[in-house]
C-alpha atoms as a PDB file:
ATOM      1  CA  MET A   1     147.063 -15.195 -30.423  1.00  0.00           C
ATOM      2  CA  PRO A   2     146.816 -15.991 -26.948  1.00  0.00           C
ATOM      3  CA  ALA A   3     144.110 -15.011 -24.647  1.00  0.00           C
ATOM      4  CA  HIS A   4     144.679 -14.699 -20.821  1.00  0.00           C
ATOM      5  CA  ARG A   5     142.246 -15.149 -18.435  1.00  0.00           C
ATOM      6  CA  PRO A   6     143.289 -15.261 -14.083  1.00  0.00           C
ATOM      7  CA  SER A   7     142.919 -18.901 -12.932  1.00  0.00           C
ATOM      8  CA  ARG A   8     141.913 -20.332 -16.310  1.00  0.00           C
ATOM      9  CA  LEU A   9     143.952 -22.437 -18.739  1.00  0.00           C
ATOM     10  CA  LEU A  10     145.574 -20.606 -21.278  1.00  0.00           C
ATOM     11  CA  ALA A  11     144.694 -21.404 -25.208  1.00  0.00           C
ATOM     12  CA  PRO A  12     145.489 -20.276 -28.347  1.00  0.00           C
ATOM     13  CA  HIS A  13     142.818 -18.345 -30.503  1.00  0.00           C
ATOM     14  CA  ARG A  14     143.192 -17.953 -33.777  1.00  0.00           C
ATOM     15  CA  ALA A  15     140.907 -16.624 -36.938  1.00  0.00           C
ATOM     16  CA  TRP A  16     141.471 -16.843 -40.515  1.00  0.00           C
ATOM     17  CA  THR A  17     140.584 -14.485 -43.161  1.00  0.00           C
ATOM     18  CA  LEU A  18     140.411 -15.919 -46.932  1.00  0.00           C
ATOM     19  CA  VAL A  19     141.158 -13.596 -49.354  1.00  0.00           C
ATOM     20  CA  ASP A  20     141.349 -13.862 -53.571  1.00  0.00           C
ATOM     21  CA  ARG A  21     145.022 -14.368 -54.320  1.00  0.00           C
ATOM     22  CA  SER A  22     145.002 -11.757 -57.286  1.00  0.00           C
ATOM     23  CA  TRP A  23     144.711  -8.960 -54.855  1.00  0.00           C
ATOM     24  CA  PRO A  24     147.822  -6.792 -53.935  1.00  0.00           C
ATOM     25  CA  ASP A  25     149.711  -7.429 -50.881  1.00  0.00           C
ATOM     26  CA  GLU A  26     148.534  -4.226 -49.256  1.00  0.00           C
ATOM     27  CA  ILE A  27     145.065  -5.005 -49.889  1.00  0.00           C
ATOM     28  CA  LYS A  28     145.030  -8.480 -48.570  1.00  0.00           C
ATOM     29  CA  GLU A  29     147.208  -7.180 -45.622  1.00  0.00           C
ATOM     30  CA  ALA A  30     144.010  -4.159 -45.374  1.00  0.00           C
ATOM     31  CA  GLN A  31     141.524  -6.947 -45.304  1.00  0.00           C
ATOM     32  CA  ARG A  32     143.436  -8.830 -42.510  1.00  0.00           C
ATOM     33  CA  LEU A  33     143.455  -6.044 -40.106  1.00  0.00           C
ATOM     34  CA  TYR A  34     140.051  -5.310 -40.470  1.00  0.00           C
ATOM     35  CA  ASN A  35     138.956  -8.895 -39.905  1.00  0.00           C
ATOM     36  CA  LEU A  36     141.116  -8.776 -36.790  1.00  0.00           C
ATOM     37  CA  ARG A  37     139.810  -5.661 -35.105  1.00  0.00           C
ATOM     38  CA  THR A  38     135.940  -6.610 -35.845  1.00  0.00           C
ATOM     39  CA  PHE A  39     135.732 -10.187 -35.837  1.00  0.00           C
ATOM     40  CA  GLY A  40     139.129 -11.639 -35.097  1.00  0.00           C
ATOM     41  CA  PRO A  41     139.516 -13.098 -31.303  1.00  0.00           C
ATOM     42  CA  SER A  42     140.453  -9.516 -30.101  1.00  0.00           C
ATOM     43  CA  GLY A  43     138.377  -7.544 -32.470  1.00  0.00           C
ATOM     44  CA  ILE A  44     135.119  -5.530 -31.037  1.00  0.00           C
ATOM     45  CA  PHE A  45     132.270  -7.453 -32.570  1.00  0.00           C
ATOM     46  CA  GLU A  46     133.809 -11.204 -31.305  1.00  0.00           C
ATOM     47  CA  GLN A  47     134.039  -9.536 -27.871  1.00  0.00           C
ATOM     48  CA  ASP A  48     130.894  -8.807 -27.691  1.00  0.00           C
ATOM     49  CA  ASP A  49     129.327 -11.737 -29.443  1.00  0.00           C
ATOM     50  CA  GLY A  50     131.119 -13.853 -26.533  1.00  0.00           C
ATOM     51  CA  GLU A  51     129.951 -11.977 -23.558  1.00  0.00           C
ATOM     52  CA  ASN A  52     126.501 -12.769 -25.227  1.00  0.00           C
ATOM     53  CA  TRP A  53     127.439 -16.514 -25.528  1.00  0.00           C
ATOM     54  CA  SER A  54     128.478 -16.598 -21.732  1.00  0.00           C
ATOM     55  CA  GLU A  55     125.405 -14.987 -20.563  1.00  0.00           C
ATOM     56  CA  ARG A  56     123.135 -17.268 -22.735  1.00  0.00           C
ATOM     57  CA  GLN A  57     124.928 -20.230 -21.418  1.00  0.00           C
ATOM     58  CA  ALA A  58     124.303 -19.034 -17.695  1.00  0.00           C
ATOM     59  CA  ILE A  59     120.869 -18.429 -18.354  1.00  0.00           C
ATOM     60  CA  ALA A  60     119.951 -21.890 -19.991  1.00  0.00           C
ATOM     61  CA  HIS A  61     120.626 -23.453 -16.545  1.00  0.00           C
ATOM     62  CA  GLY A  62     118.041 -21.720 -14.998  1.00  0.00           C
ATOM     63  CA  PHE A  63     114.844 -23.304 -13.806  1.00  0.00           C
ATOM     64  CA  VAL A  64     112.347 -21.139 -16.121  1.00  0.00           C
ATOM     65  CA  THR A  65     114.562 -22.089 -18.852  1.00  0.00           C
ATOM     66  CA  ASN A  66     114.614 -25.792 -18.259  1.00  0.00           C
ATOM     67  CA  ARG A  67     110.909 -25.832 -18.190  1.00  0.00           C
ATOM     68  CA  THR A  68     110.431 -24.485 -21.578  1.00  0.00           C
ATOM     69  CA  PRO A  69     111.320 -26.403 -25.000  1.00  0.00           C
ATOM     70  CA  LEU A  70     113.627 -24.745 -26.666  1.00  0.00           C
ATOM     71  CA  ASN A  71     112.493 -23.061 -30.440  1.00  0.00           C
ATOM     72  CA  TYR A  72     115.201 -23.886 -32.934  1.00  0.00           C
ATOM     73  CA  GLN A  73     113.079 -23.384 -36.058  1.00  0.00           C
ATOM     74  CA  MET A  74     114.547 -20.174 -37.516  1.00  0.00           C
ATOM     75  CA  GLY A  75     115.028 -20.628 -41.229  1.00  0.00           C
ATOM     76  CA  LEU A  76     113.920 -24.090 -41.232  1.00  0.00           C
ATOM     77  CA  GLY A  77     113.471 -24.924 -44.761  1.00  0.00           C
ATOM     78  CA  SER A  78     115.992 -22.476 -46.071  1.00  0.00           C
ATOM     79  CA  GLU A  79     118.798 -25.032 -45.815  1.00  0.00           C
ATOM     80  CA  THR A  80     120.598 -25.857 -49.162  1.00  0.00           C
ATOM     81  CA  ASP A  81     123.051 -28.128 -50.846  1.00  0.00           C
ATOM     82  CA  ASP A  82     125.292 -26.131 -53.425  1.00  0.00           C
ATOM     83  CA  GLY A  83     126.543 -29.585 -55.320  1.00  0.00           C
ATOM     84  CA  ARG A  84     130.243 -28.594 -54.477  1.00  0.00           C
ATOM     85  CA  HIS A  85     130.943 -28.525 -50.914  1.00  0.00           C
ATOM     86  CA  PRO A  86     129.742 -31.473 -47.884  1.00  0.00           C
ATOM     87  CA  GLY A  87     126.770 -30.258 -46.072  1.00  0.00           C
ATOM     88  CA  THR A  88     123.802 -27.991 -46.039  1.00  0.00           C
ATOM     89  CA  THR A  89     123.912 -24.293 -45.395  1.00  0.00           C
ATOM     90  CA  SER A  90     121.174 -21.598 -45.496  1.00  0.00           C
ATOM     91  CA  GLU A  91     122.031 -17.793 -46.965  1.00  0.00           C
ATOM     92  CA  LEU A  92     119.561 -16.684 -43.994  1.00  0.00           C
ATOM     93  CA  TYR A  93     119.921 -15.933 -40.664  1.00  0.00           C
ATOM     94  CA  SER A  94     119.311 -19.417 -39.332  1.00  0.00           C
ATOM     95  CA  ASP A  95     119.259 -22.007 -36.654  1.00  0.00           C
ATOM     96  CA  ALA A  96     120.822 -24.643 -39.424  1.00  0.00           C
ATOM     97  CA  ALA A  97     123.786 -25.388 -37.722  1.00  0.00           C
ATOM     98  CA  GLY A  98     121.872 -26.124 -34.038  1.00  0.00           C
ATOM     99  CA  ARG A  99     119.387 -28.304 -36.058  1.00  0.00           C
ATOM    100  CA  ALA A 100     122.072 -30.296 -37.560  1.00  0.00           C
ATOM    101  CA  PHE A 101     124.034 -30.133 -34.150  1.00  0.00           C
ATOM    102  CA  TYR A 102     121.119 -31.744 -32.112  1.00  0.00           C
ATOM    103  CA  ARG A 103     120.310 -34.106 -35.155  1.00  0.00           C
ATOM    104  CA  ARG A 104     123.693 -35.646 -35.111  1.00  0.00           C
ATOM    105  CA  TRP A 105     123.627 -35.971 -31.548  1.00  0.00           C
ATOM    106  CA  GLN A 106     120.271 -38.150 -31.454  1.00  0.00           C
ATOM    107  CA  GLN A 107     121.524 -40.173 -34.487  1.00  0.00           C
ATOM    108  CA  LEU A 108     124.832 -41.103 -31.973  1.00  0.00           C
ATOM    109  CA  MET A 109     122.556 -41.572 -28.909  1.00  0.00           C
ATOM    110  CA  ASN A 110     120.214 -43.953 -31.239  1.00  0.00           C
ATOM    111  CA  THR A 111     123.160 -45.895 -32.011  1.00  0.00           C
ATOM    112  CA  PRO A 112     124.471 -48.612 -29.961  1.00  0.00           C
ATOM    113  CA  ALA A 113     128.304 -47.850 -30.606  1.00  0.00           C
ATOM    114  CA  TRP A 114     129.617 -45.153 -32.852  1.00  0.00           C
ATOM    115  CA  HIS A 115     132.005 -47.196 -34.518  1.00  0.00           C
ATOM    116  CA  GLU A 116     128.597 -49.712 -35.401  1.00  0.00           C
ATOM    117  CA  GLU A 117     127.134 -47.021 -37.908  1.00  0.00           C
ATOM    118  CA  LYS A 118     126.369 -48.452 -41.628  1.00  0.00           C
ATOM    119  CA  ASN A 119     127.690 -46.657 -44.074  1.00  0.00           C
ATOM    120  CA  ASP A 120     125.170 -47.465 -46.757  1.00  0.00           C
ATOM    121  CA  GLN A 121     125.661 -46.650 -50.555  1.00  0.00           C
ATOM    122  CA  HIS A 122     123.662 -43.536 -52.169  1.00  0.00           C
ATOM    123  CA  PRO A 123     122.710 -44.792 -55.711  1.00  0.00           C
ATOM    124  CA  GLY A 124     125.131 -42.696 -57.144  1.00  0.00           C
ATOM    125  CA  GLY A 125     127.750 -44.505 -55.291  1.00  0.00           C
ATOM    126  CA  ARG A 126     128.191 -41.774 -52.379  1.00  0.00           C
ATOM    127  CA  PRO A 127     128.626 -43.419 -48.951  1.00  0.00           C
ATOM    128  CA  ARG A 128     126.114 -41.804 -46.365  1.00  0.00           C
ATOM    129  CA  ARG A 129     125.115 -42.840 -42.698  1.00  0.00           C
ATOM    130  CA  HIS A 130     121.646 -43.919 -42.447  1.00  0.00           C
ATOM    131  CA  PRO A 131     120.349 -43.871 -38.331  1.00  0.00           C
ATOM    132  CA  ARG A 132     117.448 -45.067 -37.715  1.00  0.00           C
ATOM    133  CA  GLY A 133     114.366 -42.703 -37.406  1.00  0.00           C
ATOM    134  CA  ARG A 134     115.894 -40.047 -39.463  1.00  0.00           C
ATOM    135  CA  GLY A 135     116.268 -39.169 -43.049  1.00  0.00           C
ATOM    136  CA  HIS A 136     118.065 -37.260 -46.139  1.00  0.00           C
ATOM    137  CA  ARG A 137     116.941 -35.503 -49.313  1.00  0.00           C
ATOM    138  CA  ASP A 138     117.951 -37.256 -52.703  1.00  0.00           C
ATOM    139  CA  ARG A 139     118.072 -34.171 -55.515  1.00  0.00           C
ATOM    140  CA  GLN A 140     117.521 -34.025 -59.231  1.00  0.00           C
ATOM    141  CA  ASP A 141     117.668 -31.455 -61.403  1.00  0.00           C
ATOM    142  CA  GLY A 142     113.973 -30.148 -62.569  1.00  0.00           C
ATOM    143  CA  LEU A 143     112.255 -33.095 -60.434  1.00  0.00           C
ATOM    144  CA  ASP A 144     110.554 -32.653 -57.015  1.00  0.00           C
ATOM    145  CA  ASP A 145     113.131 -33.431 -54.098  1.00  0.00           C
ATOM    146  CA  ILE A 146     112.700 -36.848 -52.348  1.00  0.00           C
ATOM    147  CA  ALA A 147     112.796 -37.533 -48.731  1.00  0.00           C
ATOM    148  CA  LEU A 148     114.614 -40.857 -47.985  1.00  0.00           C
ATOM    149  CA  LEU A 149     113.256 -41.950 -44.633  1.00  0.00           C
ATOM    150  CA  TYR A 150     114.633 -44.729 -42.063  1.00  0.00           C
ATOM    151  CA  ASP A 151     111.794 -45.799 -40.122  1.00  0.00           C
ATOM    152  CA  ASP A 152     112.919 -47.363 -36.388  1.00  0.00           C
ATOM    153  CA  ASP A 153     112.712 -51.144 -37.608  1.00  0.00           C
ATOM    154  CA  GLY A 154     115.043 -50.238 -40.350  1.00  0.00           C
ATOM    155  CA  THR A 155     112.551 -50.024 -43.855  1.00  0.00           C
ATOM    156  CA  VAL A 156     113.664 -47.252 -45.919  1.00  0.00           C
ATOM    157  CA  TRP A 157     110.700 -45.232 -47.440  1.00  0.00           C
ATOM    158  CA  ALA A 158     110.716 -42.307 -50.037  1.00  0.00           C
ATOM    159  CA  LEU A 159     108.253 -39.470 -49.928  1.00  0.00           C
ATOM    160  CA  ASN A 160     107.769 -36.069 -51.834  1.00  0.00           C
ATOM    161  CA  ASP A 161     110.136 -33.655 -49.435  1.00  0.00           C
ATOM    162  CA  THR A 162     108.109 -30.357 -49.117  1.00  0.00           C
ATOM    163  CA  CYS A 163     105.021 -30.925 -46.690  1.00  0.00           C
ATOM    164  CA  THR A 164     101.426 -30.827 -48.018  1.00  0.00           C
ATOM    165  CA  HIS A 165     100.885 -28.250 -45.277  1.00  0.00           C
ATOM    166  CA  GLU A 166     103.503 -25.698 -45.799  1.00  0.00           C
ATOM    167  CA  THR A 167     107.253 -25.499 -47.001  1.00  0.00           C
ATOM    168  CA  PRO A 168     109.442 -27.310 -44.505  1.00  0.00           C
ATOM    169  CA  SER A 169     111.537 -30.715 -45.203  1.00  0.00           C
ATOM    170  CA  LEU A 170     109.997 -34.062 -44.296  1.00  0.00           C
ATOM    171  CA  ALA A 171     113.537 -35.202 -44.372  1.00  0.00           C
ATOM    172  CA  ASP A 172     114.066 -32.829 -40.975  1.00  0.00           C
ATOM    173  CA  GLY A 173     111.448 -34.866 -39.189  1.00  0.00           C
ATOM    174  CA  TRP A 174     111.006 -37.667 -37.116  1.00  0.00           C
ATOM    175  CA  VAL A 175     110.514 -41.035 -38.365  1.00  0.00           C
ATOM    176  CA  GLU A 176     109.077 -43.539 -36.586  1.00  0.00           C
ATOM    177  CA  LYS A 177     106.442 -46.465 -36.280  1.00  0.00           C
ATOM    178  CA  GLY A 178     105.471 -46.314 -39.897  1.00  0.00           C
ATOM    179  CA  HIS A 179     104.679 -42.846 -40.113  1.00  0.00           C
ATOM    180  CA  VAL A 180     106.817 -39.531 -40.723  1.00  0.00           C
ATOM    181  CA  GLU A 181     106.360 -36.246 -38.514  1.00  0.00           C
ATOM    182  CA  CYS A 182     107.030 -32.601 -40.196  1.00  0.00           C
ATOM    183  CA  PRO A 183     109.230 -30.783 -38.119  1.00  0.00           C
ATOM    184  CA  LEU A 184     107.631 -27.196 -38.191  1.00  0.00           C
ATOM    185  CA  HIS A 185     103.937 -27.891 -36.965  1.00  0.00           C
ATOM    186  CA  SER A 186     103.734 -31.757 -36.366  1.00  0.00           C
ATOM    187  CA  SER A 187     101.729 -32.769 -39.670  1.00  0.00           C
ATOM    188  CA  ARG A 188     102.141 -36.602 -39.681  1.00  0.00           C
ATOM    189  CA  PHE A 189     102.399 -38.689 -42.763  1.00  0.00           C
ATOM    190  CA  CYS A 190     102.336 -42.533 -43.312  1.00  0.00           C
ATOM    191  CA  LEU A 191     105.147 -43.765 -44.560  1.00  0.00           C
ATOM    192  CA  ARG A 192     103.728 -46.524 -46.933  1.00  0.00           C
ATOM    193  CA  THR A 193     100.439 -44.519 -48.432  1.00  0.00           C
ATOM    194  CA  GLY A 194     101.679 -40.698 -47.491  1.00  0.00           C
ATOM    195  CA  ALA A 195      98.227 -40.684 -45.975  1.00  0.00           C
ATOM    196  CA  VAL A 196      97.785 -37.919 -43.437  1.00  0.00           C
ATOM    197  CA  GLN A 197      97.883 -39.302 -39.906  1.00  0.00           C
ATOM    198  CA  GLY A 198      98.014 -35.842 -38.145  1.00  0.00           C
ATOM    199  CA  LEU A 199      96.570 -31.996 -38.514  1.00  0.00           C
ATOM    200  CA  PRO A 200      97.509 -29.025 -39.658  1.00  0.00           C
ATOM    201  CA  ALA A 201      98.130 -31.043 -42.929  1.00  0.00           C
ATOM    202  CA  THR A 202      95.031 -32.107 -44.928  1.00  0.00           C
ATOM    203  CA  ARG A 203      96.826 -32.962 -48.573  1.00  0.00           C
ATOM    204  CA  ASP A 204      98.408 -36.816 -49.001  1.00  0.00           C
ATOM    205  CA  ALA A 205     102.177 -36.451 -49.281  1.00  0.00           C
ATOM    206  CA  VAL A 206     103.207 -38.477 -52.863  1.00  0.00           C
ATOM    207  CA  THR A 207     104.934 -42.091 -52.156  1.00  0.00           C
ATOM    208  CA  HIS A 208     107.849 -43.376 -54.662  1.00  0.00           C
ATOM    209  CA  ARG A 209     109.106 -47.397 -54.450  1.00  0.00           C
ATOM    210  CA  VAL A 210     112.287 -48.035 -52.772  1.00  0.00           C
ATOM    211  CA  GLU A 211     114.810 -51.316 -52.932  1.00  0.00           C
ATOM    212  CA  VAL A 212     117.961 -52.051 -50.930  1.00  0.00           C
ATOM    213  CA  ARG A 213     119.993 -54.166 -52.528  1.00  0.00           C
ATOM    214  CA  ASP A 214     123.514 -55.127 -51.834  1.00  0.00           C
ATOM    215  CA  GLY A 215     123.672 -51.991 -49.375  1.00  0.00           C
ATOM    216  CA  GLU A 216     122.904 -49.661 -52.226  1.00  0.00           C
ATOM    217  CA  ILE A 217     119.344 -47.926 -52.200  1.00  0.00           C
ATOM    218  CA  TYR A 218     117.298 -47.784 -55.475  1.00  0.00           C
ATOM    219  CA  LEU A 219     114.670 -45.467 -55.774  1.00  0.00           C
ATOM    220  CA  TYR A 220     111.843 -45.538 -58.465  1.00  0.00           C
ATOM    221  CA  ARG A 221     110.062 -41.949 -58.951  1.00  0.00           C
ATOM    222  CA  GLY A 222     106.194 -42.060 -59.512  1.00  0.00           C
ATOM    223  CA  GLU A 223     106.048 -45.929 -58.503  1.00  0.00           C
ATOM    224  CA  ALA A 224     104.017 -46.758 -55.617  1.00  0.00           C
ATOM    225  CA  PRO A 225     105.712 -48.853 -52.737  1.00  0.00           C
ATOM    226  CA  SER A 226     104.358 -52.437 -53.152  1.00  0.00           C
END
């Protein structure tokens, strides 16, 4: 439905309601109206959220806010891949979407040109983007998750994904100059040996051998890097 604001560009706003196909038409209509009146563009909750968002944007330009680091660690480590849909999600209220947004922004800023990003191949044949300084998780049922990490010189390394201090994913950390830094408490680990290079972690991470051949990454679990 169109939303009118004086002196501003008119833009259509739409909300979508997904329902079970087997529901009777009257139940589908009731659900549509319920969503429209709550979280639709004209819904009472959505309007309230809209005011919150606009006020937060205004505050974000303030002097104090610009001098304070943004903490978006809520729900860190809760992200999961359901194996059916692209991307990750979280069952908790979290900043997962915000972290993904800024991670992607960082990837683009570290790429000479967007069209020059390389589409390497995962061992399963699934194309993935591998920006330097970042990583992603390799999951196999019944086995520990592995963080495939891409150093700033283009070398690929593999460590057990869970930080040995607490539970965050090292694949969400920062990778540079031969080490990875945990995104939660900034523990640092050597990419080659897994040795702790920065507290608060005190236990080394487990490393695994990786080879890159013809654009494909081959992970050898349990074998130390050469």
